[in-house]
C-alpha atoms as a PDB file:
ATOM      1  CA  MET A   1      63.366 -20.736 -66.687  1.00  0.00           C
ATOM      2  CA  ASP A   2      59.970 -22.471 -66.641  1.00  0.00           C
ATOM      3  CA  ILE A   3      58.222 -19.168 -65.925  1.00  0.00           C
ATOM      4  CA  LEU A   4      59.900 -17.576 -68.953  1.00  0.00           C
ATOM      5  CA  ILE A   5      58.788 -20.446 -71.180  1.00  0.00           C
ATOM      6  CA  VAL A   6      55.195 -20.160 -69.925  1.00  0.00           C
ATOM      7  CA  VAL A   7      55.170 -16.389 -70.516  1.00  0.00           C
ATOM      8  CA  LEU A   8      56.583 -16.783 -74.028  1.00  0.00           C
ATOM      9  CA  LEU A   9      54.083 -19.523 -74.877  1.00  0.00           C
ATOM     10  CA  VAL A  10      51.178 -17.342 -73.719  1.00  0.00           C
ATOM     11  CA  LEU A  11      52.389 -14.338 -75.715  1.00  0.00           C
ATOM     12  CA  PHE A  12      53.088 -16.469 -78.786  1.00  0.00           C
ATOM     13  CA  GLY A  13      49.657 -18.078 -78.542  1.00  0.00           C
ATOM     14  CA  VAL A  14      47.849 -14.746 -78.228  1.00  0.00           C
ATOM     15  CA  VAL A  15      49.714 -13.301 -81.211  1.00  0.00           C
ATOM     16  CA  LEU A  16      48.934 -16.349 -83.343  1.00  0.00           C
ATOM     17  CA  LEU A  17      45.241 -16.326 -82.416  1.00  0.00           C
ATOM     18  CA  VAL A  18      44.859 -12.626 -83.209  1.00  0.00           C
ATOM     19  CA  ALA A  19      46.697 -13.121 -86.504  1.00  0.00           C
ATOM     20  CA  GLU A  20      44.448 -16.065 -87.365  1.00  0.00           C
ATOM     21  CA  LEU A  21      41.258 -14.207 -86.511  1.00  0.00           C
ATOM     22  CA  PHE A  22      42.001 -10.967 -88.332  1.00  0.00           C
ATOM     23  CA  LEU A  23      44.861 -11.347 -90.772  1.00  0.00           C
ATOM     24  CA  LEU A  24      44.953 -14.886 -92.108  1.00  0.00           C
ATOM     25  CA  PRO A  25      41.951 -16.344 -93.928  1.00  0.00           C
ATOM     26  CA  GLY A  26      40.316 -19.528 -92.691  1.00  0.00           C
ATOM     27  CA  PHE A  27      41.076 -21.721 -89.703  1.00  0.00           C
ATOM     28  CA  GLY A  28      44.557 -22.970 -90.309  1.00  0.00           C
ATOM     29  CA  ILE A  29      47.953 -23.602 -88.908  1.00  0.00           C
ATOM     30  CA  ALA A  30      48.245 -20.310 -87.010  1.00  0.00           C
ATOM     31  CA  GLY A  31      44.973 -20.879 -85.131  1.00  0.00           C
ATOM     32  CA  VAL A  32      45.840 -24.442 -84.209  1.00  0.00           C
ATOM     33  CA  ALA A  33      49.353 -23.402 -83.177  1.00  0.00           C
ATOM     34  CA  GLY A  34      47.915 -20.563 -81.079  1.00  0.00           C
ATOM     35  CA  PHE A  35      45.514 -22.878 -79.241  1.00  0.00           C
ATOM     36  CA  LEU A  36      48.253 -25.465 -78.721  1.00  0.00           C
ATOM     37  CA  SER A  37      50.635 -22.783 -77.452  1.00  0.00           C
ATOM     38  CA  LEU A  38      48.107 -21.464 -74.936  1.00  0.00           C
ATOM     39  CA  GLY A  39      47.166 -24.980 -73.899  1.00  0.00           C
ATOM     40  CA  GLY A  40      50.818 -25.924 -73.528  1.00  0.00           C
ATOM     41  CA  ALA A  41      51.491 -22.866 -71.391  1.00  0.00           C
ATOM     42  CA  VAL A  42      48.595 -23.679 -69.076  1.00  0.00           C
ATOM     43  CA  ALA A  43      49.549 -27.369 -68.894  1.00  0.00           C
ATOM     44  CA  MET A  44      53.164 -26.505 -68.154  1.00  0.00           C
ATOM     45  CA  ALA A  45      52.088 -24.073 -65.452  1.00  0.00           C
ATOM     46  CA  TYR A  46      49.935 -26.743 -63.804  1.00  0.00           C
ATOM     47  CA  MET A  47      52.648 -29.407 -64.024  1.00  0.00           C
ATOM     48  CA  ARG A  48      55.879 -27.530 -63.346  1.00  0.00           C
ATOM     49  CA  LEU A  49      55.026 -24.310 -61.576  1.00  0.00           C
ATOM     50  CA  THR A  50      52.990 -25.803 -58.742  1.00  0.00           C
ATOM     51  CA  ALA A  51      56.210 -25.963 -56.731  1.00  0.00           C
ATOM     52  CA  VAL A  52      56.481 -22.175 -57.007  1.00  0.00           C
ATOM     53  CA  SER A  53      52.822 -21.573 -56.243  1.00  0.00           C
ATOM     54  CA  PRO A  54      49.811 -23.891 -56.076  1.00  0.00           C
ATOM     55  CA  TRP A  55      47.819 -21.203 -57.923  1.00  0.00           C
ATOM     56  CA  ALA A  56      50.239 -20.908 -60.870  1.00  0.00           C
ATOM     57  CA  GLY A  57      48.063 -22.953 -63.232  1.00  0.00           C
ATOM     58  CA  HIS A  58      44.910 -21.025 -62.389  1.00  0.00           C
ATOM     59  CA  VAL A  59      46.700 -17.702 -62.765  1.00  0.00           C
ATOM     60  CA  THR A  60      48.160 -18.742 -66.117  1.00  0.00           C
ATOM     61  CA  LEU A  61      44.747 -19.837 -67.372  1.00  0.00           C
ATOM     62  CA  LEU A  62      43.149 -16.576 -66.261  1.00  0.00           C
ATOM     63  CA  VAL A  63      45.960 -14.461 -67.729  1.00  0.00           C
ATOM     64  CA  SER A  64      45.722 -16.359 -71.030  1.00  0.00           C
ATOM     65  CA  LEU A  65      41.994 -15.722 -71.304  1.00  0.00           C
ATOM     66  CA  VAL A  66      42.269 -12.062 -70.293  1.00  0.00           C
ATOM     67  CA  LEU A  67      45.199 -11.380 -72.636  1.00  0.00           C
ATOM     68  CA  THR A  68      43.446 -13.032 -75.576  1.00  0.00           C
ATOM     69  CA  ALA A  69      40.247 -11.063 -74.970  1.00  0.00           C
ATOM     70  CA  ALA A  70      42.184  -7.823 -74.469  1.00  0.00           C
ATOM     71  CA  ALA A  71      44.230  -8.337 -77.634  1.00  0.00           C
ATOM     72  CA  ILE A  72      41.093  -8.959 -79.703  1.00  0.00           C
ATOM     73  CA  TRP A  73      39.362  -5.935 -78.150  1.00  0.00           C
ATOM     74  CA  LEU A  74      42.381  -3.679 -78.771  1.00  0.00           C
ATOM     75  CA  PHE A  75      42.725  -4.881 -82.342  1.00  0.00           C
ATOM     76  CA  LEU A  76      39.086  -4.055 -83.031  1.00  0.00           C
ATOM     77  CA  ARG A  77      39.267  -0.734 -81.195  1.00  0.00           C
ATOM     78  CA  THR A  78      42.263   0.586 -83.147  1.00  0.00           C
ATOM     79  CA  ARG A  79      40.230   0.347 -86.353  1.00  0.00           C
ATOM     80  CA  THR A  80      42.998  -1.663 -87.954  1.00  0.00           C
ATOM     81  CA  ILE A  81      40.362  -4.010 -89.265  1.00  0.00           C
ATOM     82  CA  ASP A  82      38.880  -1.151 -91.337  1.00  0.00           C
ATOM     83  CA  LYS A  83      42.139  -0.827 -93.238  1.00  0.00           C
ATOM     84  CA  ILE A  84      42.317  -4.500 -94.177  1.00  0.00           C
ATOM     85  CA  ALA A  85      38.650  -5.446 -94.473  1.00  0.00           C
ATOM     86  CA  LEU A  86      36.753  -5.453 -97.744  1.00  0.00           C
ATOM     87  CA  ASP A  87      34.319  -2.548 -97.762  1.00  0.00           C
ATOM     88  CA  THR A  88      32.565  -2.596-101.109  1.00  0.00           C
ATOM     89  CA  THR A  89      28.932  -2.017-101.839  1.00  0.00           C
ATOM     90  CA  ILE A  90      27.236  -3.452-104.892  1.00  0.00           C
ATOM     91  CA  ASP A  91      24.627  -1.121-106.278  1.00  0.00           C
ATOM     92  CA  SER A  92      23.784  -2.882-109.515  1.00  0.00           C
ATOM     93  CA  SER A  93      20.799  -5.126-110.046  1.00  0.00           C
ATOM     94  CA  VAL A  94      19.814  -7.850-112.438  1.00  0.00           C
ATOM     95  CA  SER A  95      16.408  -7.598-113.999  1.00  0.00           C
ATOM     96  CA  LEU A  96      14.736 -10.914-114.604  1.00  0.00           C
ATOM     97  CA  ALA A  97      12.654 -11.566-117.673  1.00  0.00           C
ATOM     98  CA  ASP A  98       9.029 -12.120-116.723  1.00  0.00           C
ATOM     99  CA  PRO A  99       9.334 -15.013-114.219  1.00  0.00           C
ATOM    100  CA  GLY A 100       5.638 -15.912-114.630  1.00  0.00           C
ATOM    101  CA  LYS A 101       6.178 -16.842-118.275  1.00  0.00           C
ATOM    102  CA  LYS A 102       9.092 -19.093-117.354  1.00  0.00           C
ATOM    103  CA  ILE A 103       6.865 -21.027-114.953  1.00  0.00           C
ATOM    104  CA  GLU A 104       4.140 -21.337-117.615  1.00  0.00           C
ATOM    105  CA  LYS A 105       6.729 -22.701-120.069  1.00  0.00           C
ATOM    106  CA  LEU A 106       7.901 -25.234-117.495  1.00  0.00           C
ATOM    107  CA  GLU A 107       4.347 -26.362-116.806  1.00  0.00           C
ATOM    108  CA  ALA A 108       3.618 -26.692-120.527  1.00  0.00           C
ATOM    109  CA  GLY A 109       6.815 -28.680-121.000  1.00  0.00           C
ATOM    110  CA  ALA A 110       5.911 -30.980-118.103  1.00  0.00           C
ATOM    111  CA  LYS A 111       2.435 -31.612-119.572  1.00  0.00           C
ATOM    112  CA  ARG A 112       3.931 -32.353-122.978  1.00  0.00           C
ATOM    113  CA  MET A 113       6.379 -34.839-121.415  1.00  0.00           C
ATOM    114  CA  GLU A 114       3.529 -36.550-119.568  1.00  0.00           C
ATOM    115  CA  GLN A 115       1.554 -36.867-122.808  1.00  0.00           C
ATOM    116  CA  GLU A 116       4.570 -38.312-124.655  1.00  0.00           C
ATOM    117  CA  THR A 117       5.135 -40.803-121.846  1.00  0.00           C
ATOM    118  CA  GLU A 118       1.491 -41.886-121.956  1.00  0.00           C
ATOM    119  CA  GLN A 119       1.634 -42.307-125.752  1.00  0.00           C
ATOM    120  CA  ASN A 120       4.774 -44.436-125.540  1.00  0.00           C
ATOM    121  CA  ASP A 121       3.240 -46.732-122.931  1.00  0.00           C
END
């Protein structure tokens, strides 16, 4: 029964991490739940499955890492991301009014403010 729980936790964690990376915006509940699920599976393998095999924890950790990497690689390879990703190009431009004149106006305004400050003092 413990082996089944570890396997389900690993699969659940991988699915949640892939969903968080590619489908859900931001770093939220699915990402945290995925990391906790994978961590729980590895911890449970180290604590409870050592009676079955002393290597159970190491194998679970390795399988978790390989499955997560493989799931991300497969998701990117199937071009599913192209269907859901924003692919828009902006070809318009904004023309600025002569920026040199704006700087000259700012400098003139700063000089005028300095003169007013000196007159008030």
